[in-house]
């Protein structure tokens, strides 16, 4: 189904917050909660999904938290969407064989095409693009030093 969930929006906000506010130390989930207003009970599972997908790196310990798993320019909104929402339920749509012939042969291909177009657009937007947008709008950064690495 073509949709954007709260969970997906929380994930994008969290990754953007980490990218935009990263300083010398990892960003703690508590800080993200305070800045973005995302309830911690929703945030922690999303952050763990992003760690398992290598979008984020979890750092353990009292000064632990989260860092980006790769360069901001190499993390797209499509990556986050596929990780958190499974690509907007693409697999569920493929396995659904019930319904009318009109639905299967006309409506579902249209819906699939729209979903694919949306994912292509999300793949074209990077976390770096969003950081640039935030800088352009004068949004204040919290971190002391922007950390980004180049390979």
N, C-alpha and C. Protein backbone atom coordinates (compact mmCIF):
# COMPACT_ATOMS: atom_id res chain seq x y z
N UNK A 1 0.85 -1.18 0.00
CA UNK A 1 0.00 0.00 0.00
C UNK A 1 0.89 1.24 0.00
N UNK A 2 0.49 2.25 -0.69
CA UNK A 2 1.22 3.49 -0.78
C UNK A 2 0.84 4.37 0.40
N UNK A 3 1.79 4.58 1.30
CA UNK A 3 1.52 5.38 2.49
C UNK A 3 2.84 5.82 3.11
N UNK A 4 2.75 6.80 3.97
CA UNK A 4 3.91 7.14 4.79
C UNK A 4 3.44 7.05 6.24
N UNK A 5 4.14 6.29 7.00
CA UNK A 5 3.75 6.05 8.38
C UNK A 5 4.45 7.02 9.32
N UNK A 6 3.91 7.13 10.51
CA UNK A 6 4.58 7.93 11.55
C UNK A 6 5.96 7.37 11.82
N UNK A 7 6.05 6.05 11.80
CA UNK A 7 7.32 5.39 12.05
C UNK A 7 8.37 5.83 11.02
N UNK A 8 7.97 5.89 9.75
CA UNK A 8 8.89 6.32 8.70
C UNK A 8 9.30 7.77 8.90
N UNK A 9 8.35 8.64 9.19
CA UNK A 9 8.68 10.04 9.42
C UNK A 9 9.59 10.21 10.63
N UNK A 10 9.36 9.43 11.70
CA UNK A 10 10.24 9.45 12.86
C UNK A 10 11.66 9.03 12.47
N UNK A 11 11.76 7.99 11.65
CA UNK A 11 13.08 7.49 11.23
C UNK A 11 13.83 8.54 10.43
N UNK A 12 13.15 9.19 9.50
CA UNK A 12 13.81 10.23 8.69
C UNK A 12 14.23 11.39 9.58
N UNK A 13 13.35 11.82 10.48
CA UNK A 13 13.70 12.92 11.39
C UNK A 13 14.90 12.55 12.26
N UNK A 14 14.94 11.31 12.74
CA UNK A 14 16.04 10.88 13.61
C UNK A 14 17.37 10.88 12.84
N UNK A 15 17.38 10.31 11.64
CA UNK A 15 18.62 10.28 10.85
C UNK A 15 19.05 11.70 10.50
N UNK A 16 18.10 12.54 10.13
CA UNK A 16 18.43 13.93 9.82
C UNK A 16 18.97 14.65 11.05
N UNK A 17 18.36 14.42 12.21
CA UNK A 17 18.84 15.04 13.45
C UNK A 17 20.26 14.61 13.74
N UNK A 18 20.55 13.34 13.59
CA UNK A 18 21.90 12.82 13.85
C UNK A 18 22.89 13.46 12.86
N UNK A 19 22.51 13.52 11.59
CA UNK A 19 23.40 14.09 10.58
C UNK A 19 23.62 15.58 10.81
N UNK A 20 22.59 16.28 11.18
CA UNK A 20 22.65 17.73 11.30
C UNK A 20 23.30 18.18 12.60
N UNK A 21 23.08 17.43 13.66
CA UNK A 21 23.55 17.86 14.98
C UNK A 21 24.73 17.07 15.51
N UNK A 22 25.30 16.18 14.71
CA UNK A 22 26.43 15.38 15.18
C UNK A 22 27.60 16.28 15.57
N UNK A 23 28.16 15.99 16.69
CA UNK A 23 29.34 16.73 17.15
C UNK A 23 30.48 15.76 17.37
N UNK A 24 31.24 16.01 18.43
CA UNK A 24 32.38 15.15 18.74
C UNK A 24 31.94 13.80 19.32
N UNK A 25 30.75 13.75 19.87
CA UNK A 25 30.26 12.53 20.49
C UNK A 25 29.01 12.05 19.76
N UNK A 26 28.69 10.78 19.91
CA UNK A 26 27.47 10.27 19.28
C UNK A 26 26.22 11.00 19.81
N UNK A 27 25.19 11.01 19.02
CA UNK A 27 23.93 11.64 19.41
C UNK A 27 23.11 10.61 20.18
N UNK A 28 22.68 10.97 21.36
CA UNK A 28 21.90 10.06 22.19
C UNK A 28 20.42 10.17 21.83
N UNK A 29 19.71 9.06 22.00
CA UNK A 29 18.28 9.06 21.67
C UNK A 29 17.52 10.08 22.52
N UNK A 30 17.97 10.30 23.72
CA UNK A 30 17.34 11.29 24.60
C UNK A 30 17.40 12.68 23.96
N UNK A 31 18.53 13.00 23.32
CA UNK A 31 18.68 14.30 22.67
C UNK A 31 17.73 14.42 21.47
N UNK A 32 17.60 13.33 20.72
CA UNK A 32 16.69 13.34 19.57
C UNK A 32 15.26 13.54 20.06
N UNK A 33 14.91 12.85 21.12
CA UNK A 33 13.57 12.97 21.71
C UNK A 33 13.30 14.41 22.12
N UNK A 34 14.26 15.04 22.77
CA UNK A 34 14.09 16.42 23.22
C UNK A 34 13.95 17.38 22.05
N UNK A 35 14.78 17.22 21.02
CA UNK A 35 14.76 18.16 19.89
C UNK A 35 13.58 17.93 18.95
N UNK A 36 13.26 16.66 18.70
CA UNK A 36 12.25 16.35 17.68
C UNK A 36 10.88 16.01 18.25
N UNK A 37 10.82 15.77 19.56
CA UNK A 37 9.53 15.44 20.17
C UNK A 37 9.04 14.05 19.83
N UNK A 38 9.94 13.17 19.46
CA UNK A 38 9.59 11.79 19.14
C UNK A 38 9.60 10.98 20.43
N UNK A 39 8.51 10.33 20.79
CA UNK A 39 8.50 9.53 22.02
C UNK A 39 9.56 8.44 21.96
N UNK A 40 10.30 8.27 23.04
CA UNK A 40 11.40 7.31 23.07
C UNK A 40 10.95 5.88 22.81
N UNK A 41 9.75 5.53 23.25
CA UNK A 41 9.29 4.16 23.03
C UNK A 41 9.12 3.85 21.54
N UNK A 42 8.89 4.88 20.72
CA UNK A 42 8.81 4.69 19.27
C UNK A 42 10.18 4.83 18.63
N UNK A 43 11.00 5.68 19.20
CA UNK A 43 12.29 5.99 18.60
C UNK A 43 13.29 4.84 18.69
N UNK A 44 13.43 4.23 19.84
CA UNK A 44 14.45 3.20 20.04
C UNK A 44 14.34 2.03 19.04
N UNK A 45 13.14 1.45 18.83
CA UNK A 45 13.05 0.36 17.85
C UNK A 45 13.41 0.81 16.43
N UNK A 46 13.05 2.02 16.07
CA UNK A 46 13.38 2.54 14.74
C UNK A 46 14.89 2.71 14.61
N UNK A 47 15.53 3.24 15.64
CA UNK A 47 16.98 3.40 15.60
C UNK A 47 17.67 2.05 15.46
N UNK A 48 17.16 1.04 16.14
CA UNK A 48 17.75 -0.30 16.03
C UNK A 48 17.60 -0.85 14.61
N UNK A 49 16.46 -0.63 13.98
CA UNK A 49 16.28 -1.06 12.58
C UNK A 49 17.31 -0.38 11.68
N UNK A 50 17.54 0.90 11.91
CA UNK A 50 18.50 1.65 11.10
C UNK A 50 19.93 1.19 11.34
N UNK A 51 20.23 0.76 12.56
CA UNK A 51 21.55 0.20 12.87
C UNK A 51 21.73 -1.12 12.12
N UNK A 52 20.71 -1.98 12.16
CA UNK A 52 20.80 -3.28 11.46
C UNK A 52 20.95 -3.11 9.95
N UNK A 53 20.47 -2.01 9.41
CA UNK A 53 20.59 -1.74 7.97
C UNK A 53 21.86 -0.95 7.64
N UNK A 54 22.73 -0.72 8.63
CA UNK A 54 23.98 0.02 8.45
C UNK A 54 23.78 1.47 8.02
N UNK A 55 22.60 2.01 8.28
CA UNK A 55 22.38 3.43 8.05
C UNK A 55 22.94 4.21 9.23
N UNK A 56 22.80 3.63 10.42
CA UNK A 56 23.38 4.21 11.64
C UNK A 56 24.33 3.21 12.27
N UNK A 57 25.19 3.73 13.13
CA UNK A 57 26.07 2.91 13.95
C UNK A 57 25.71 3.20 15.40
N UNK A 58 25.45 2.16 16.17
CA UNK A 58 25.18 2.32 17.59
C UNK A 58 26.48 2.27 18.36
N UNK A 59 26.69 3.24 19.24
CA UNK A 59 27.89 3.30 20.06
C UNK A 59 27.47 3.04 21.50
N UNK A 60 28.03 2.00 22.12
CA UNK A 60 27.66 1.63 23.49
C UNK A 60 28.42 2.45 24.50
N UNK A 61 27.90 2.43 25.73
CA UNK A 61 28.59 3.07 26.83
C UNK A 61 27.88 4.32 27.31
N UNK A 62 28.38 4.88 28.42
CA UNK A 62 27.72 6.05 29.01
C UNK A 62 27.71 7.27 28.09
N UNK A 63 28.67 7.38 27.21
CA UNK A 63 28.69 8.47 26.24
C UNK A 63 28.29 7.98 24.86
N UNK A 64 27.61 6.86 24.84
CA UNK A 64 27.20 6.25 23.58
C UNK A 64 26.02 6.95 22.96
N UNK A 65 25.61 6.42 21.86
CA UNK A 65 24.50 7.00 21.10
C UNK A 65 24.56 6.48 19.69
N UNK A 66 24.30 7.36 18.75
CA UNK A 66 24.23 6.96 17.34
C UNK A 66 25.01 7.93 16.47
N UNK A 67 25.65 7.34 15.45
CA UNK A 67 26.35 8.08 14.40
C UNK A 67 25.85 7.56 13.06
N UNK A 68 26.09 8.32 12.02
CA UNK A 68 25.75 7.84 10.69
C UNK A 68 26.63 6.66 10.32
N UNK A 69 26.06 5.70 9.63
CA UNK A 69 26.82 4.53 9.21
C UNK A 69 27.60 4.75 7.92
N UNK A 70 27.27 5.80 7.21
CA UNK A 70 28.00 6.16 5.99
C UNK A 70 27.79 7.66 5.74
N UNK A 71 28.42 8.16 4.71
CA UNK A 71 28.34 9.58 4.41
C UNK A 71 26.89 10.03 4.21
N UNK A 72 26.62 11.26 4.59
CA UNK A 72 25.27 11.82 4.42
C UNK A 72 24.82 11.76 2.97
N UNK A 73 25.74 11.97 2.05
CA UNK A 73 25.38 11.97 0.64
C UNK A 73 25.09 10.57 0.10
N UNK A 74 25.39 9.55 0.91
CA UNK A 74 25.15 8.16 0.49
C UNK A 74 23.98 7.52 1.22
N UNK A 75 23.22 8.30 1.96
CA UNK A 75 22.01 7.81 2.62
C UNK A 75 20.83 8.52 1.98
N UNK A 76 19.95 7.76 1.35
CA UNK A 76 18.79 8.37 0.71
C UNK A 76 17.53 8.12 1.53
N UNK A 77 16.52 8.92 1.26
CA UNK A 77 15.23 8.69 1.91
C UNK A 77 14.67 7.33 1.50
N UNK A 78 14.97 6.90 0.29
CA UNK A 78 14.55 5.57 -0.16
C UNK A 78 15.16 4.46 0.69
N UNK A 79 16.44 4.62 1.06
CA UNK A 79 17.10 3.64 1.94
C UNK A 79 16.35 3.52 3.26
N UNK A 80 16.02 4.67 3.82
CA UNK A 80 15.33 4.69 5.11
C UNK A 80 13.93 4.09 4.97
N UNK A 81 13.25 4.44 3.90
CA UNK A 81 11.90 3.93 3.66
C UNK A 81 11.90 2.40 3.53
N UNK A 82 12.82 1.88 2.76
CA UNK A 82 12.89 0.43 2.58
C UNK A 82 13.22 -0.28 3.89
N UNK A 83 14.05 0.35 4.71
CA UNK A 83 14.43 -0.25 5.99
C UNK A 83 13.26 -0.26 6.96
N UNK A 84 12.58 0.85 7.08
CA UNK A 84 11.56 1.01 8.11
C UNK A 84 10.20 0.48 7.68
N UNK A 85 9.79 0.79 6.47
CA UNK A 85 8.46 0.40 6.00
C UNK A 85 8.50 -0.69 4.94
N UNK A 86 9.64 -1.29 4.73
CA UNK A 86 9.72 -2.37 3.75
C UNK A 86 9.42 -1.92 2.33
N UNK A 87 9.79 -0.71 1.96
CA UNK A 87 9.57 -0.25 0.60
C UNK A 87 8.12 0.06 0.33
N UNK A 88 7.42 0.58 1.32
CA UNK A 88 6.00 0.94 1.18
C UNK A 88 5.15 -0.29 0.86
N UNK A 89 5.41 -1.38 1.56
CA UNK A 89 4.63 -2.61 1.45
C UNK A 89 4.67 -3.25 0.07
N UNK A 90 5.79 -3.14 -0.62
CA UNK A 90 5.90 -3.69 -1.96
C UNK A 90 5.68 -5.19 -1.99
N UNK A 91 6.24 -5.92 -1.06
CA UNK A 91 6.10 -7.38 -1.04
C UNK A 91 4.66 -7.79 -0.80
N UNK A 92 3.97 -7.11 0.09
CA UNK A 92 2.57 -7.42 0.38
C UNK A 92 1.73 -7.27 -0.89
N UNK A 93 1.98 -6.22 -1.67
CA UNK A 93 1.23 -6.00 -2.90
C UNK A 93 1.48 -7.12 -3.91
N UNK A 94 2.70 -7.60 -4.02
CA UNK A 94 3.03 -8.65 -4.99
C UNK A 94 2.36 -9.98 -4.65
N UNK A 95 2.20 -10.26 -3.36
CA UNK A 95 1.64 -11.54 -2.95
C UNK A 95 0.12 -11.54 -2.92
N UNK A 96 -0.51 -10.40 -3.04
CA UNK A 96 -1.96 -10.30 -2.98
C UNK A 96 -2.54 -10.67 -4.34
N UNK A 97 -3.15 -11.84 -4.42
CA UNK A 97 -3.73 -12.31 -5.68
C UNK A 97 -5.25 -12.31 -5.65
N UNK A 98 -5.83 -11.85 -4.54
CA UNK A 98 -7.27 -11.83 -4.43
C UNK A 98 -7.84 -10.58 -5.08
N UNK A 99 -9.15 -10.55 -5.22
CA UNK A 99 -9.82 -9.39 -5.77
C UNK A 99 -10.24 -9.63 -7.21
N UNK A 100 -10.82 -8.61 -7.78
CA UNK A 100 -11.36 -8.71 -9.12
C UNK A 100 -10.27 -8.62 -10.17
N UNK A 101 -10.63 -9.00 -11.37
CA UNK A 101 -9.70 -8.91 -12.49
C UNK A 101 -9.33 -7.44 -12.75
N UNK A 102 -10.31 -6.55 -12.63
CA UNK A 102 -10.03 -5.11 -12.79
C UNK A 102 -9.00 -4.64 -11.77
N UNK A 103 -9.17 -5.08 -10.54
CA UNK A 103 -8.23 -4.69 -9.50
C UNK A 103 -6.83 -5.22 -9.76
N UNK A 104 -6.75 -6.51 -10.10
CA UNK A 104 -5.45 -7.15 -10.33
C UNK A 104 -4.77 -6.63 -11.60
N UNK A 105 -5.54 -6.42 -12.65
CA UNK A 105 -4.95 -6.11 -13.96
C UNK A 105 -4.85 -4.62 -14.26
N UNK A 106 -5.65 -3.80 -13.58
CA UNK A 106 -5.66 -2.37 -13.89
C UNK A 106 -5.19 -1.54 -12.69
N UNK A 107 -5.87 -1.69 -11.58
CA UNK A 107 -5.59 -0.83 -10.43
C UNK A 107 -4.25 -1.13 -9.77
N UNK A 108 -3.96 -2.40 -9.50
CA UNK A 108 -2.70 -2.73 -8.81
C UNK A 108 -1.46 -2.34 -9.62
N UNK A 109 -1.44 -2.57 -10.94
CA UNK A 109 -0.27 -2.09 -11.70
C UNK A 109 -0.10 -0.56 -11.63
N UNK A 110 -1.23 0.16 -11.65
CA UNK A 110 -1.16 1.61 -11.50
C UNK A 110 -0.56 1.97 -10.14
N UNK A 111 -1.07 1.33 -9.10
CA UNK A 111 -0.60 1.60 -7.74
C UNK A 111 0.88 1.24 -7.59
N UNK A 112 1.27 0.12 -8.18
CA UNK A 112 2.67 -0.31 -8.13
C UNK A 112 3.56 0.71 -8.84
N UNK A 113 3.10 1.20 -9.97
CA UNK A 113 3.86 2.22 -10.70
C UNK A 113 4.03 3.50 -9.90
N UNK A 114 2.95 3.92 -9.23
CA UNK A 114 3.03 5.11 -8.38
C UNK A 114 4.01 4.90 -7.24
N UNK A 115 3.96 3.73 -6.62
CA UNK A 115 4.88 3.43 -5.53
C UNK A 115 6.32 3.45 -6.03
N UNK A 116 6.55 2.85 -7.20
CA UNK A 116 7.90 2.82 -7.75
C UNK A 116 8.41 4.24 -8.07
N UNK A 117 7.51 5.09 -8.59
CA UNK A 117 7.88 6.48 -8.85
C UNK A 117 8.23 7.21 -7.55
N UNK A 118 7.44 6.97 -6.52
CA UNK A 118 7.70 7.60 -5.23
C UNK A 118 9.05 7.14 -4.68
N UNK A 119 9.33 5.85 -4.74
CA UNK A 119 10.62 5.35 -4.25
C UNK A 119 11.77 5.92 -5.07
N UNK A 120 11.59 6.08 -6.38
CA UNK A 120 12.63 6.67 -7.21
C UNK A 120 12.90 8.12 -6.78
N UNK A 121 11.84 8.85 -6.48
CA UNK A 121 12.01 10.24 -6.01
C UNK A 121 12.69 10.26 -4.64
N UNK A 122 12.32 9.32 -3.76
CA UNK A 122 12.95 9.25 -2.45
C UNK A 122 14.42 8.86 -2.57
N UNK A 123 14.75 8.02 -3.55
CA UNK A 123 16.14 7.64 -3.79
C UNK A 123 16.98 8.82 -4.28
N UNK A 124 16.33 9.84 -4.84
CA UNK A 124 17.05 11.00 -5.37
C UNK A 124 17.33 12.05 -4.29
N UNK A 125 16.75 11.87 -3.09
CA UNK A 125 16.95 12.84 -2.02
C UNK A 125 17.84 12.21 -0.95
N UNK A 126 18.96 12.87 -0.68
CA UNK A 126 19.90 12.36 0.32
C UNK A 126 19.76 13.13 1.63
N UNK A 127 20.32 12.57 2.67
CA UNK A 127 20.37 13.26 3.95
C UNK A 127 21.20 14.53 3.81
N UNK A 128 22.21 14.52 2.98
CA UNK A 128 23.00 15.74 2.72
C UNK A 128 22.10 16.82 2.13
N UNK A 129 21.22 16.46 1.20
CA UNK A 129 20.29 17.43 0.61
C UNK A 129 19.44 18.09 1.70
N UNK A 130 18.95 17.27 2.63
CA UNK A 130 18.10 17.80 3.70
C UNK A 130 18.90 18.68 4.67
N UNK A 131 20.16 18.31 4.92
CA UNK A 131 21.02 19.14 5.77
C UNK A 131 21.26 20.50 5.11
N UNK A 132 21.49 20.49 3.81
CA UNK A 132 21.68 21.75 3.07
C UNK A 132 20.41 22.60 3.14
N UNK A 133 19.26 21.98 3.01
CA UNK A 133 17.98 22.68 3.12
C UNK A 133 17.83 23.32 4.50
N UNK A 134 18.18 22.56 5.52
CA UNK A 134 18.09 23.09 6.89
C UNK A 134 19.03 24.27 7.09
N UNK A 135 20.27 24.13 6.58
CA UNK A 135 21.23 25.25 6.68
C UNK A 135 20.70 26.47 5.95
N UNK A 136 20.14 26.25 4.76
CA UNK A 136 19.60 27.34 3.97
C UNK A 136 18.44 28.05 4.65
N UNK A 137 17.71 27.33 5.47
CA UNK A 137 16.58 27.93 6.19
C UNK A 137 17.00 28.51 7.54
N UNK A 138 18.30 28.43 7.83
CA UNK A 138 18.81 29.04 9.06
C UNK A 138 18.49 28.26 10.32
N UNK A 139 18.26 26.98 10.20
CA UNK A 139 17.97 26.16 11.38
C UNK A 139 19.28 25.95 12.15
N UNK A 140 19.24 26.27 13.41
CA UNK A 140 20.43 26.22 14.26
C UNK A 140 20.85 24.77 14.53
N UNK A 141 22.15 24.52 14.40
CA UNK A 141 22.72 23.22 14.73
C UNK A 141 23.09 23.19 16.20
N UNK A 142 22.98 22.01 16.80
CA UNK A 142 23.30 21.85 18.21
C UNK A 142 24.76 21.41 18.39
N UNK A 143 25.24 20.53 17.54
CA UNK A 143 26.60 19.98 17.65
C UNK A 143 27.66 21.05 17.43
N UNK A 144 28.84 20.81 18.00
CA UNK A 144 29.93 21.77 17.89
C UNK A 144 30.67 21.65 16.57
N UNK A 145 30.86 20.42 16.12
CA UNK A 145 31.60 20.17 14.89
C UNK A 145 30.81 19.21 14.04
N UNK A 146 30.58 19.57 12.81
CA UNK A 146 29.88 18.66 11.90
C UNK A 146 30.81 17.50 11.55
N UNK A 147 30.37 16.30 11.79
CA UNK A 147 31.15 15.13 11.46
C UNK A 147 30.57 14.46 10.24
N UNK A 148 31.37 14.31 9.23
CA UNK A 148 31.00 13.57 8.04
C UNK A 148 32.31 13.00 7.53
N UNK A 149 32.25 11.83 6.98
CA UNK A 149 33.49 11.25 6.53
C UNK A 149 33.42 10.95 5.05
N UNK A 150 34.59 10.91 4.43
CA UNK A 150 34.69 10.62 3.02
C UNK A 150 35.58 9.41 2.86
N UNK A 151 35.13 8.52 2.00
CA UNK A 151 35.92 7.31 1.75
C UNK A 151 36.53 7.41 0.37
